[in-house]
Structures are given as C-alpha cells and as structure tokens.
PDB file of N, CA and C in Angstrom:
ATOM      1  N   MET A   1       8.210 -25.557 -18.952  1.00  0.00           N
ATOM      2  CA  MET A   1       8.848 -24.373 -18.671  1.00  0.00           C
ATOM      3  C   MET A   1       7.178 -23.279 -18.401  1.00  0.00           C
ATOM      4  N   TYR A   2       5.748 -23.957 -18.903  1.00  0.00           N
ATOM      5  CA  TYR A   2       4.821 -23.449 -18.646  1.00  0.00           C
ATOM      6  C   TYR A   2       4.589 -23.138 -17.179  1.00  0.00           C
ATOM      7  N   ARG A   3       4.681 -24.513 -16.704  1.00  0.00           N
ATOM      8  CA  ARG A   3       4.345 -24.607 -15.286  1.00  0.00           C
ATOM      9  C   ARG A   3       5.136 -23.262 -14.458  1.00  0.00           C
ATOM     10  N   LEU A   4       6.397 -23.520 -14.712  1.00  0.00           N
ATOM     11  CA  LEU A   4       7.176 -22.660 -13.891  1.00  0.00           C
ATOM     12  C   LEU A   4       7.000 -21.469 -13.918  1.00  0.00           C
ATOM     13  N   LYS A   5       6.836 -20.701 -15.256  1.00  0.00           N
ATOM     14  CA  LYS A   5       6.094 -19.638 -15.426  1.00  0.00           C
ATOM     15  C   LYS A   5       4.713 -19.482 -14.502  1.00  0.00           C
ATOM     16  N   GLU A   6       4.040 -20.198 -14.513  1.00  0.00           N
ATOM     17  CA  GLU A   6       2.582 -20.479 -14.140  1.00  0.00           C
ATOM     18  C   GLU A   6       2.962 -20.742 -12.448  1.00  0.00           C
ATOM     19  N   SER A   7       3.627 -20.801 -11.913  1.00  0.00           N
ATOM     20  CA  SER A   7       3.858 -20.868 -10.683  1.00  0.00           C
ATOM     21  C   SER A   7       4.504 -19.602  -9.674  1.00  0.00           C
ATOM     22  N   SER A   8       5.571 -18.977 -11.031  1.00  0.00           N
ATOM     23  CA  SER A   8       6.330 -18.022 -10.780  1.00  0.00           C
ATOM     24  C   SER A   8       5.238 -16.814 -10.129  1.00  0.00           C
ATOM     25  N   LEU A   9       4.047 -16.686 -10.635  1.00  0.00           N
ATOM     26  CA  LEU A   9       2.871 -15.645 -10.806  1.00  0.00           C
ATOM     27  C   LEU A   9       2.343 -15.590  -9.684  1.00  0.00           C
ATOM     28  N   LEU A  10       2.763 -16.878  -8.706  1.00  0.00           N
ATOM     29  CA  LEU A  10       1.962 -16.677  -7.330  1.00  0.00           C
ATOM     30  C   LEU A  10       2.720 -15.899  -6.566  1.00  0.00           C
ATOM     31  N   VAL A  11       4.382 -15.911  -6.593  1.00  0.00           N
ATOM     32  CA  VAL A  11       5.087 -15.740  -5.454  1.00  0.00           C
ATOM     33  C   VAL A  11       4.876 -14.402  -4.831  1.00  0.00           C
ATOM     34  N   PRO A  12       4.402 -13.507  -5.817  1.00  0.00           N
ATOM     35  CA  PRO A  12       4.268 -12.059  -5.367  1.00  0.00           C
ATOM     36  C   PRO A  12       2.576 -12.395  -4.632  1.00  0.00           C
ATOM     37  N   ILE A  13       1.824 -12.785  -4.824  1.00  0.00           N
ATOM     38  CA  ILE A  13       0.422 -13.351  -3.854  1.00  0.00           C
ATOM     39  C   ILE A  13       1.266 -14.237  -2.518  1.00  0.00           C
ATOM     40  N   ILE A  14       1.888 -14.666  -2.798  1.00  0.00           N
ATOM     41  CA  ILE A  14       2.399 -15.656  -0.972  1.00  0.00           C
ATOM     42  C   ILE A  14       2.951 -14.789  -0.146  1.00  0.00           C
ATOM     43  N   PHE A  15       3.778 -14.077  -1.170  1.00  0.00           N
ATOM     44  CA  PHE A  15       4.890 -13.140  -0.407  1.00  0.00           C
ATOM     45  C   PHE A  15       3.796 -12.003   0.288  1.00  0.00           C
ATOM     46  N   SER A  16       2.656 -11.093  -0.631  1.00  0.00           N
ATOM     47  CA  SER A  16       1.921 -10.701  -0.059  1.00  0.00           C
ATOM     48  C   SER A  16       1.091 -11.191   1.014  1.00  0.00           C
ATOM     49  N   SER A  17       0.519 -12.502   1.074  1.00  0.00           N
ATOM     50  CA  SER A  17      -0.137 -12.895   1.603  1.00  0.00           C
ATOM     51  C   SER A  17       0.556 -13.107   3.357  1.00  0.00           C
ATOM     52  N   GLN A  18       1.626 -13.611   3.107  1.00  0.00           N
ATOM     53  CA  GLN A  18       2.820 -13.550   4.479  1.00  0.00           C
ATOM     54  C   GLN A  18       2.864 -12.094   5.076  1.00  0.00           C
ATOM     55  N   SER A  19       3.162 -11.273   4.469  1.00  0.00           N
ATOM     56  CA  SER A  19       3.055  -9.895   5.174  1.00  0.00           C
ATOM     57  C   SER A  19       2.254  -9.614   5.802  1.00  0.00           C
ATOM     58  N   GLU A  20       0.736  -9.503   5.049  1.00  0.00           N
ATOM     59  CA  GLU A  20      -0.245  -8.954   5.203  1.00  0.00           C
ATOM     60  C   GLU A  20      -0.600 -10.197   6.805  1.00  0.00           C
ATOM     61  N   MET A  21      -0.030 -11.262   6.836  1.00  0.00           N
ATOM     62  CA  MET A  21      -0.566 -12.134   7.904  1.00  0.00           C
ATOM     63  C   MET A  21       0.542 -11.293   9.342  1.00  0.00           C
ATOM     64  N   LYS A  22       2.033 -11.269   8.688  1.00  0.00           N
ATOM     65  CA  LYS A  22       2.522 -10.790   9.719  1.00  0.00           C
ATOM     66  C   LYS A  22       2.297  -9.617  10.347  1.00  0.00           C
ATOM     67  N   ASP A  23       1.518  -8.687   9.550  1.00  0.00           N
ATOM     68  CA  ASP A  23       1.236  -7.367  10.108  1.00  0.00           C
ATOM     69  C   ASP A  23       0.030  -7.693  10.307  1.00  0.00           C
ATOM     70  N   ARG A  24      -0.919  -8.732  10.925  1.00  0.00           N
ATOM     71  CA  ARG A  24      -2.335  -8.910  11.537  1.00  0.00           C
ATOM     72  C   ARG A  24      -1.879  -9.467  12.885  1.00  0.00           C
ATOM     73  N   ILE A  25      -0.775 -10.703  13.058  1.00  0.00           N
ATOM     74  CA  ILE A  25       0.125 -11.303  13.958  1.00  0.00           C
ATOM     75  C   ILE A  25       0.278  -9.447  14.667  1.00  0.00           C
ATOM     76  N   SER A  26       0.842  -9.059  14.188  1.00  0.00           N
ATOM     77  CA  SER A  26       1.673  -7.676  15.030  1.00  0.00           C
ATOM     78  C   SER A  26       0.586  -6.814  15.765  1.00  0.00           C
ATOM     79  N   ARG A  27      -0.660  -6.402  14.467  1.00  0.00           N
ATOM     80  CA  ARG A  27      -1.559  -5.874  15.623  1.00  0.00           C
ATOM     81  C   ARG A  27      -2.260  -6.686  16.431  1.00  0.00           C
ATOM     82  N   ASN A  28      -2.492  -8.121  16.345  1.00  0.00           N
ATOM     83  CA  ASN A  28      -2.850  -8.771  17.645  1.00  0.00           C
ATOM     84  C   ASN A  28      -1.924  -8.475  18.651  1.00  0.00           C
ATOM     85  N   THR A  29      -0.940  -8.505  18.268  1.00  0.00           N
ATOM     86  CA  THR A  29      -0.077  -8.603  19.661  1.00  0.00           C
ATOM     87  C   THR A  29       0.009  -7.529  20.441  1.00  0.00           C
ATOM     88  N   VAL A  30      -0.030  -6.065  19.801  1.00  0.00           N
ATOM     89  CA  VAL A  30      -0.504  -4.467  20.224  1.00  0.00           C
ATOM     90  C   VAL A  30      -1.018  -4.856  21.046  1.00  0.00           C
ATOM     91  N   ASP A  31      -2.343  -5.168  20.431  1.00  0.00           N
ATOM     92  CA  ASP A  31      -4.076  -5.226  21.473  1.00  0.00           C
ATOM     93  C   ASP A  31      -3.721  -5.981  22.353  1.00  0.00           C
ATOM     94  N   VAL A  32      -2.919  -7.082  23.013  1.00  0.00           N
ATOM     95  CA  VAL A  32      -2.984  -7.722  23.760  1.00  0.00           C
ATOM     96  C   VAL A  32      -2.351  -7.655  24.847  1.00  0.00           C
ATOM     97  N   ILE A  33      -1.031  -6.462  24.677  1.00  0.00           N
ATOM     98  CA  ILE A  33      -0.275  -5.983  25.312  1.00  0.00           C
ATOM     99  C   ILE A  33      -0.831  -4.482  25.899  1.00  0.00           C
ATOM    100  N   LYS A  34      -1.630  -3.554  24.938  1.00  0.00           N
ATOM    101  CA  LYS A  34      -2.877  -2.642  25.555  1.00  0.00           C
ATOM    102  C   LYS A  34      -3.817  -3.158  26.130  1.00  0.00           C
ATOM    103  N   LYS A  35      -4.431  -4.491  26.007  1.00  0.00           N
ATOM    104  CA  LYS A  35      -5.520  -4.875  27.047  1.00  0.00           C
ATOM    105  C   LYS A  35      -4.806  -5.287  28.666  1.00  0.00           C
ATOM    106  N   TYR A  36      -3.671  -5.844  28.173  1.00  0.00           N
ATOM    107  CA  TYR A  36      -2.801  -6.012  29.994  1.00  0.00           C
ATOM    108  C   TYR A  36      -2.586  -5.144  30.128  1.00  0.00           C
ATOM    109  N   VAL A  37      -1.833  -4.328  29.505  1.00  0.00           N
ATOM    110  CA  VAL A  37      -1.753  -2.718  30.394  1.00  0.00           C
ATOM    111  C   VAL A  37      -2.643  -2.519  31.142  1.00  0.00           C
ATOM    112  N   SER A  38      -4.126  -2.105  30.419  1.00  0.00           N
ATOM    113  CA  SER A  38      -5.299  -1.540  31.221  1.00  0.00           C
ATOM    114  C   SER A  38      -5.561  -2.405  32.433  1.00  0.00           C
ATOM    115  N   GLU A  39      -5.575  -3.679  32.239  1.00  0.00           N
ATOM    116  CA  GLU A  39      -6.068  -4.695  33.682  1.00  0.00           C
ATOM    117  C   GLU A  39      -5.088  -4.743  34.135  1.00  0.00           C
ATOM    118  N   HIS A  40      -3.892  -4.150  34.082  1.00  0.00           N
ATOM    119  CA  HIS A  40      -2.825  -4.009  35.469  1.00  0.00           C
ATOM    120  C   HIS A  40      -2.163  -2.947  35.576  1.00  0.00           C
ATOM    121  N   ILE A  41      -2.717  -1.854  35.325  1.00  0.00           N
ATOM    122  CA  ILE A  41      -2.112  -0.873  35.247  1.00  0.00           C
ATOM    123  C   ILE A  41      -1.840  -0.323  36.641  1.00  0.00           C
ATOM    124  N   SER A  42      -2.014  -0.668  37.865  1.00  0.00           N
ATOM    125  CA  SER A  42      -1.626  -0.574  39.382  1.00  0.00           C
ATOM    126  C   SER A  42      -0.458  -1.244  39.340  1.00  0.00           C
ATOM    127  N   GLU A  43      -0.343  -2.556  38.689  1.00  0.00           N
ATOM    128  CA  GLU A  43       0.713  -3.530  38.915  1.00  0.00           C
ATOM    129  C   GLU A  43       1.946  -2.786  38.435  1.00  0.00           C
ATOM    130  N   ASP A  44       3.339  -3.413  38.389  1.00  0.00           N
ATOM    131  CA  ASP A  44       4.562  -3.062  38.109  1.00  0.00           C
ATOM    132  C   ASP A  44       4.289  -3.611  36.626  1.00  0.00           C
ATOM    133  N   ILE A  45       4.467  -3.073  35.637  1.00  0.00           N
ATOM    134  CA  ILE A  45       4.493  -3.566  34.096  1.00  0.00           C
ATOM    135  C   ILE A  45       5.660  -3.727  33.453  1.00  0.00           C
ATOM    136  N   SER A  46       6.583  -4.842  33.357  1.00  0.00           N
ATOM    137  CA  SER A  46       7.553  -4.636  32.923  1.00  0.00           C
ATOM    138  C   SER A  46       7.700  -5.494  31.676  1.00  0.00           C
ATOM    139  N   LEU A  47       8.873  -5.207  30.843  1.00  0.00           N
ATOM    140  CA  LEU A  47       8.982  -5.753  29.205  1.00  0.00           C
ATOM    141  C   LEU A  47       9.004  -7.487  29.394  1.00  0.00           C
ATOM    142  N   THR A  48       9.823  -7.997  30.685  1.00  0.00           N
ATOM    143  CA  THR A  48       9.627  -9.242  30.826  1.00  0.00           C
ATOM    144  C   THR A  48       8.402  -9.929  30.813  1.00  0.00           C
ATOM    145  N   ARG A  49       7.606  -8.996  31.981  1.00  0.00           N
ATOM    146  CA  ARG A  49       6.479  -9.296  31.997  1.00  0.00           C
ATOM    147  C   ARG A  49       5.574  -9.558  31.063  1.00  0.00           C
ATOM    148  N   LEU A  50       5.973  -8.632  30.073  1.00  0.00           N
ATOM    149  CA  LEU A  50       4.810  -8.605  29.093  1.00  0.00           C
ATOM    150  C   LEU A  50       5.437  -9.450  27.678  1.00  0.00           C
ATOM    151  N   SER A  51       6.552 -10.187  28.059  1.00  0.00           N
ATOM    152  CA  SER A  51       7.016 -11.206  26.946  1.00  0.00           C
ATOM    153  C   SER A  51       6.006 -12.589  27.774  1.00  0.00           C
ATOM    154  N   GLU A  52       6.211 -12.555  28.819  1.00  0.00           N
ATOM    155  CA  GLU A  52       5.411 -13.510  29.210  1.00  0.00           C
ATOM    156  C   GLU A  52       4.138 -14.227  28.839  1.00  0.00           C
ATOM    157  N   VAL A  53       3.826 -12.842  29.117  1.00  0.00           N
ATOM    158  CA  VAL A  53       1.895 -12.757  28.724  1.00  0.00           C
ATOM    159  C   VAL A  53       2.040 -12.703  27.517  1.00  0.00           C
ATOM    160  N   THR A  54       2.790 -12.645  26.599  1.00  0.00           N
ATOM    161  CA  THR A  54       2.302 -12.449  25.053  1.00  0.00           C
ATOM    162  C   THR A  54       3.243 -14.362  24.488  1.00  0.00           C
ATOM    163  N   GLY A  55       4.336 -14.617  25.020  1.00  0.00           N
ATOM    164  CA  GLY A  55       4.955 -15.549  24.761  1.00  0.00           C
ATOM    165  C   GLY A  55       5.803 -15.634  23.382  1.00  0.00           C
ATOM    166  N   TYR A  56       5.905 -13.779  23.205  1.00  0.00           N
ATOM    167  CA  TYR A  56       7.357 -13.260  22.441  1.00  0.00           C
ATOM    168  C   TYR A  56       8.627 -12.857  22.996  1.00  0.00           C
ATOM    169  N   ASN A  57       9.454 -12.603  22.263  1.00  0.00           N
ATOM    170  CA  ASN A  57      10.639 -12.503  23.053  1.00  0.00           C
ATOM    171  C   ASN A  57      10.548 -10.605  23.683  1.00  0.00           C
ATOM    172  N   THR A  58      11.711  -9.760  24.227  1.00  0.00           N
ATOM    173  CA  THR A  58      11.274  -8.881  24.570  1.00  0.00           C
ATOM    174  C   THR A  58      11.833  -8.044  23.165  1.00  0.00           C
ATOM    175  N   CYS A  59      12.651  -8.091  22.523  1.00  0.00           N
ATOM    176  CA  CYS A  59      12.821  -7.416  21.240  1.00  0.00           C
ATOM    177  C   CYS A  59      11.999  -7.123  20.216  1.00  0.00           C
ATOM    178  N   TYR A  60      11.418  -8.459  19.807  1.00  0.00           N
ATOM    179  CA  TYR A  60      10.246  -8.346  18.988  1.00  0.00           C
ATOM    180  C   TYR A  60       9.246  -7.703  19.503  1.00  0.00           C
ATOM    181  N   LEU A  61       9.081  -7.471  21.093  1.00  0.00           N
ATOM    182  CA  LEU A  61       7.662  -6.733  21.303  1.00  0.00           C
ATOM    183  C   LEU A  61       8.087  -5.757  21.455  1.00  0.00           C
ATOM    184  N   SER A  62       9.506  -5.074  21.508  1.00  0.00           N
ATOM    185  CA  SER A  62       9.474  -3.949  21.215  1.00  0.00           C
ATOM    186  C   SER A  62       9.615  -3.222  20.025  1.00  0.00           C
ATOM    187  N   ARG A  63       9.924  -3.751  19.471  1.00  0.00           N
ATOM    188  CA  ARG A  63      10.340  -3.408  18.133  1.00  0.00           C
ATOM    189  C   ARG A  63       8.633  -3.503  16.906  1.00  0.00           C
ATOM    190  N   THR A  64       8.263  -4.236  17.642  1.00  0.00           N
ATOM    191  CA  THR A  64       6.603  -4.288  17.500  1.00  0.00           C
ATOM    192  C   THR A  64       5.653  -3.446  17.847  1.00  0.00           C
ATOM    193  N   PHE A  65       5.969  -3.407  19.117  1.00  0.00           N
ATOM    194  CA  PHE A  65       5.008  -1.926  19.563  1.00  0.00           C
ATOM    195  C   PHE A  65       5.440  -0.920  18.791  1.00  0.00           C
ATOM    196  N   LYS A  66       6.630  -0.695  19.057  1.00  0.00           N
ATOM    197  CA  LYS A  66       6.803   0.921  18.171  1.00  0.00           C
ATOM    198  C   LYS A  66       6.643   0.846  16.478  1.00  0.00           C
ATOM    199  N   THR A  67       6.773  -0.085  15.882  1.00  0.00           N
ATOM    200  CA  THR A  67       6.308  -0.129  14.634  1.00  0.00           C
ATOM    201  C   THR A  67       4.771   0.051  14.133  1.00  0.00           C
ATOM    202  N   GLN A  68       4.108  -0.124  15.220  1.00  0.00           N
ATOM    203  CA  GLN A  68       2.610  -0.278  15.438  1.00  0.00           C
ATOM    204  C   GLN A  68       1.994   0.971  15.874  1.00  0.00           C
ATOM    205  N   THR A  69       2.777   0.964  16.495  1.00  0.00           N
ATOM    206  CA  THR A  69       1.904   2.264  17.638  1.00  0.00           C
ATOM    207  C   THR A  69       2.624   3.960  17.640  1.00  0.00           C
ATOM    208  N   GLY A  70       4.243   3.912  16.926  1.00  0.00           N
ATOM    209  CA  GLY A  70       4.667   5.089  16.776  1.00  0.00           C
ATOM    210  C   GLY A  70       5.834   5.539  18.451  1.00  0.00           C
ATOM    211  N   GLU A  71       5.130   4.678  19.624  1.00  0.00           N
ATOM    212  CA  GLU A  71       5.838   5.117  21.042  1.00  0.00           C
ATOM    213  C   GLU A  71       6.134   3.916  21.039  1.00  0.00           C
ATOM    214  N   THR A  72       7.506   3.680  22.300  1.00  0.00           N
ATOM    215  CA  THR A  72       7.850   2.699  22.976  1.00  0.00           C
ATOM    216  C   THR A  72       6.808   2.236  24.310  1.00  0.00           C
ATOM    217  N   LEU A  73       7.186   0.917  24.084  1.00  0.00           N
ATOM    218  CA  LEU A  73       6.339  -0.098  25.642  1.00  0.00           C
ATOM    219  C   LEU A  73       6.271   1.083  26.746  1.00  0.00           C
ATOM    220  N   THR A  74       7.698   1.594  27.097  1.00  0.00           N
ATOM    221  CA  THR A  74       7.794   2.277  28.146  1.00  0.00           C
ATOM    222  C   THR A  74       7.266   3.702  28.193  1.00  0.00           C
ATOM    223  N   GLU A  75       7.309   4.452  26.847  1.00  0.00           N
ATOM    224  CA  GLU A  75       6.060   5.784  26.988  1.00  0.00           C
ATOM    225  C   GLU A  75       4.582   5.436  27.100  1.00  0.00           C
ATOM    226  N   TYR A  76       4.096   4.214  26.561  1.00  0.00           N
ATOM    227  CA  TYR A  76       3.203   3.773  26.316  1.00  0.00           C
ATOM    228  C   TYR A  76       2.611   3.796  27.917  1.00  0.00           C
ATOM    229  N   VAL A  77       3.436   2.743  28.589  1.00  0.00           N
ATOM    230  CA  VAL A  77       2.767   2.346  30.060  1.00  0.00           C
ATOM    231  C   VAL A  77       2.891   3.378  30.860  1.00  0.00           C
ATOM    232  N   GLY A  78       3.573   4.480  30.685  1.00  0.00           N
ATOM    233  CA  GLY A  78       3.857   5.787  31.098  1.00  0.00           C
ATOM    234  C   GLY A  78       2.765   6.763  31.248  1.00  0.00           C
ATOM    235  N   ARG A  79       2.422   6.861  29.899  1.00  0.00           N
ATOM    236  CA  ARG A  79       1.454   7.593  29.340  1.00  0.00           C
ATOM    237  C   ARG A  79       0.037   6.985  29.602  1.00  0.00           C
ATOM    238  N   LYS A  80      -0.343   5.760  30.150  1.00  0.00           N
ATOM    239  CA  LYS A  80      -1.289   5.502  30.736  1.00  0.00           C
ATOM    240  C   LYS A  80      -1.494   5.516  32.097  1.00  0.00           C
ATOM    241  N   LYS A  81      -0.312   4.732  32.859  1.00  0.00           N
ATOM    242  CA  LYS A  81      -0.211   5.421  34.165  1.00  0.00           C
ATOM    243  C   LYS A  81      -0.802   6.652  34.656  1.00  0.00           C
ATOM    244  N   MET A  82      -0.188   8.127  33.830  1.00  0.00           N
ATOM    245  CA  MET A  82      -0.374   9.352  34.281  1.00  0.00           C
ATOM    246  C   MET A  82      -1.900   9.975  34.005  1.00  0.00           C
ATOM    247  N   GLU A  83      -2.696   8.318  33.186  1.00  0.00           N
ATOM    248  CA  GLU A  83      -4.402   8.948  32.894  1.00  0.00           C
ATOM    249  C   GLU A  83      -5.067   8.939  33.809  1.00  0.00           C
TER     250      GLU A  83
END
C-alpha cells in the first residue's frame, strides 16, 4: 500500500514533465518554421512544404503554430512577405 501511494505522488511530476516536453517541442517546431520562412521568403511556401520540412502533419503544424504565436501560418507568411 505504501508503495502505491509513493508512486502516485510521481504522477503529477511525470505529467508535468510530459507537458513541458510537448511545449518545448512545439516551440522548437515554430522556430524551425520561422527560420525556414525567412530563408525561403521569395519562394512559394505551402503548408505541405512546411510539413515536409518539419516532418509533422499539416493539421499539427497549423494548430501548433496558431497556439504558440496567436496567428495562422498563412497570416505569418503573408506578413513576412510584406515586410
């Protein structure tokens, strides 16, 4: 019984670590996208191409980018092209 109680104390720590790791991966993914966009701004930048570059599917990229930055990928690329 003591052992179960002891291990149950670790559950919040494990979930916290997983959440932090997912957040770090999301931030790194957004950084990769931003770098790619800045280096290829004169090219046609599609969600499909960004998916190929990062190795993540398009839905994940769209959702992650919007969550991390507050703007869609389309808005970001368009804004960068105008700068």
